[in-house]
Amino acid sequence: MDPVSVKEAGAQIARLINAAQRGRGISITRRGKPVAQLVPPPQLQPRGLPDLAAFRKAIKLRGTSLSKTLIAQRKHERY
């Protein structure tokens, strides 16, 4: 990491952010001692949708299923 004083960092913040965006880390110092770091954000991998097969298997039905109940109610309302 490149050391930069607080005074320089304040004057050149846009340049330092651009450098961090390109992957360079910046160490900000006060009187020669590091006080902060400007680092690029972690690269996030786009995630797809989770596989819900195990979740569906874990669901235990109680009573009559919703689809059977709905079909029965529709038949009852028609006649």
C-alpha atoms as a PDB file:
ATOM      1  CA  MET A   1       0.000   0.000   0.000  1.00  0.00           C
ATOM      2  CA  ASP A   2       1.202   3.426  -0.896  1.00  0.00           C
ATOM      3  CA  PRO A   3       1.427   5.756   2.131  1.00  0.00           C
ATOM      4  CA  VAL A   4      -0.189   9.191   1.788  1.00  0.00           C
ATOM      5  CA  SER A   5      -0.479  11.872   4.470  1.00  0.00           C
ATOM      6  CA  VAL A   6      -3.887  13.061   5.679  1.00  0.00           C
ATOM      7  CA  LYS A   7      -3.246  16.494   4.148  1.00  0.00           C
ATOM      8  CA  GLU A   8      -2.393  14.978   0.738  1.00  0.00           C
ATOM      9  CA  ALA A   9      -5.370  12.610   0.942  1.00  0.00           C
ATOM     10  CA  GLY A  10      -7.738  15.520   1.556  1.00  0.00           C
ATOM     11  CA  ALA A  11      -6.356  17.434  -1.396  1.00  0.00           C
ATOM     12  CA  GLN A  12      -6.323  14.459  -3.777  1.00  0.00           C
ATOM     13  CA  ILE A  13      -9.244  12.310  -2.635  1.00  0.00           C
ATOM     14  CA  ALA A  14     -10.679  11.863  -6.138  1.00  0.00           C
ATOM     15  CA  ARG A  15      -7.339  10.568  -7.463  1.00  0.00           C
ATOM     16  CA  LEU A  16      -6.973   8.203  -4.502  1.00  0.00           C
ATOM     17  CA  ILE A  17     -10.483   6.828  -4.977  1.00  0.00           C
ATOM     18  CA  ASN A  18      -9.754   6.207  -8.643  1.00  0.00           C
ATOM     19  CA  ALA A  19      -6.575   4.346  -7.669  1.00  0.00           C
ATOM     20  CA  ALA A  20      -8.506   2.207  -5.177  1.00  0.00           C
ATOM     21  CA  GLN A  21     -11.131   1.518  -7.801  1.00  0.00           C
ATOM     22  CA  ARG A  22      -8.367   0.189 -10.062  1.00  0.00           C
ATOM     23  CA  GLY A  23      -7.290  -2.186  -7.278  1.00  0.00           C
ATOM     24  CA  ARG A  24      -4.537  -0.243  -5.488  1.00  0.00           C
ATOM     25  CA  GLY A  25      -4.633   0.083  -1.715  1.00  0.00           C
ATOM     26  CA  ILE A  26      -3.747   3.404  -0.081  1.00  0.00           C
ATOM     27  CA  SER A  27      -2.490   3.823   3.499  1.00  0.00           C
ATOM     28  CA  ILE A  28      -3.323   7.218   4.998  1.00  0.00           C
ATOM     29  CA  THR A  29      -0.828   8.410   7.602  1.00  0.00           C
ATOM     30  CA  ARG A  30      -0.692  11.113  10.248  1.00  0.00           C
ATOM     31  CA  ARG A  31       2.832  12.088  11.373  1.00  0.00           C
ATOM     32  CA  GLY A  32       4.192   8.989   9.658  1.00  0.00           C
ATOM     33  CA  LYS A  33       1.886   6.525  11.447  1.00  0.00           C
ATOM     34  CA  PRO A  34      -0.902   4.743   9.563  1.00  0.00           C
ATOM     35  CA  VAL A  35      -4.376   5.877  10.650  1.00  0.00           C
ATOM     36  CA  ALA A  36      -6.620   4.610   7.841  1.00  0.00           C
ATOM     37  CA  GLN A  37      -6.656   2.497   4.710  1.00  0.00           C
ATOM     38  CA  LEU A  38      -8.428   3.047   1.436  1.00  0.00           C
ATOM     39  CA  VAL A  39      -8.906  -0.313  -0.244  1.00  0.00           C
ATOM     40  CA  PRO A  40     -10.965  -1.532  -3.195  1.00  0.00           C
ATOM     41  CA  PRO A  41     -14.257  -3.244  -2.348  1.00  0.00           C
ATOM     42  CA  PRO A  42     -14.324  -7.042  -2.446  1.00  0.00           C
ATOM     43  CA  GLN A  43     -15.302  -8.493  -5.792  1.00  0.00           C
ATOM     44  CA  LEU A  44     -18.760  -9.945  -5.354  1.00  0.00           C
ATOM     45  CA  GLN A  45     -19.705 -12.903  -7.481  1.00  0.00           C
ATOM     46  CA  PRO A  46     -23.220 -12.728  -8.841  1.00  0.00           C
ATOM     47  CA  ARG A  47     -25.233 -15.461  -7.215  1.00  0.00           C
ATOM     48  CA  GLY A  48     -27.950 -17.429  -8.906  1.00  0.00           C
ATOM     49  CA  LEU A  49     -31.119 -18.484  -7.226  1.00  0.00           C
ATOM     50  CA  PRO A  50     -30.681 -21.089  -4.488  1.00  0.00           C
ATOM     51  CA  ASP A  51     -31.726 -24.692  -5.034  1.00  0.00           C
ATOM     52  CA  LEU A  52     -34.928 -25.183  -3.056  1.00  0.00           C
ATOM     53  CA  ALA A  53     -35.247 -28.964  -3.506  1.00  0.00           C
ATOM     54  CA  ALA A  54     -34.045 -29.762   0.029  1.00  0.00           C
ATOM     55  CA  PHE A  55     -36.320 -27.079   1.474  1.00  0.00           C
ATOM     56  CA  ARG A  56     -39.338 -28.488  -0.367  1.00  0.00           C
ATOM     57  CA  LYS A  57     -38.570 -32.013   0.867  1.00  0.00           C
ATOM     58  CA  ALA A  58     -38.362 -30.747   4.456  1.00  0.00           C
ATOM     59  CA  ILE A  59     -41.905 -29.331   4.372  1.00  0.00           C
ATOM     60  CA  LYS A  60     -44.382 -31.710   5.981  1.00  0.00           C
ATOM     61  CA  LEU A  61     -48.009 -31.382   4.918  1.00  0.00           C
ATOM     62  CA  ARG A  62     -50.738 -31.541   7.547  1.00  0.00           C
ATOM     63  CA  GLY A  63     -54.290 -32.274   6.576  1.00  0.00           C
ATOM     64  CA  THR A  64     -55.530 -31.876   3.038  1.00  0.00           C
ATOM     65  CA  SER A  65     -53.318 -30.152   0.504  1.00  0.00           C
ATOM     66  CA  LEU A  66     -54.256 -26.651  -0.559  1.00  0.00           C
ATOM     67  CA  SER A  67     -54.827 -27.665  -4.168  1.00  0.00           C
ATOM     68  CA  LYS A  68     -57.263 -30.428  -3.172  1.00  0.00           C
ATOM     69  CA  THR A  69     -59.092 -28.052  -0.834  1.00  0.00           C
ATOM     70  CA  LEU A  70     -59.373 -25.401  -3.541  1.00  0.00           C
ATOM     71  CA  ILE A  71     -60.672 -27.876  -6.127  1.00  0.00           C
ATOM     72  CA  ALA A  72     -63.258 -29.160  -3.648  1.00  0.00           C
ATOM     73  CA  GLN A  73     -64.426 -25.616  -2.828  1.00  0.00           C
ATOM     74  CA  ARG A  74     -64.771 -24.754  -6.514  1.00  0.00           C
ATOM     75  CA  LYS A  75     -66.843 -27.877  -7.160  1.00  0.00           C
ATOM     76  CA  HIS A  76     -69.033 -27.089  -4.158  1.00  0.00           C
ATOM     77  CA  GLU A  77     -69.650 -23.486  -5.296  1.00  0.00           C
ATOM     78  CA  ARG A  78     -70.619 -24.537  -8.809  1.00  0.00           C
ATOM     79  CA  TYR A  79     -73.430 -26.867  -7.785  1.00  0.00           C
END
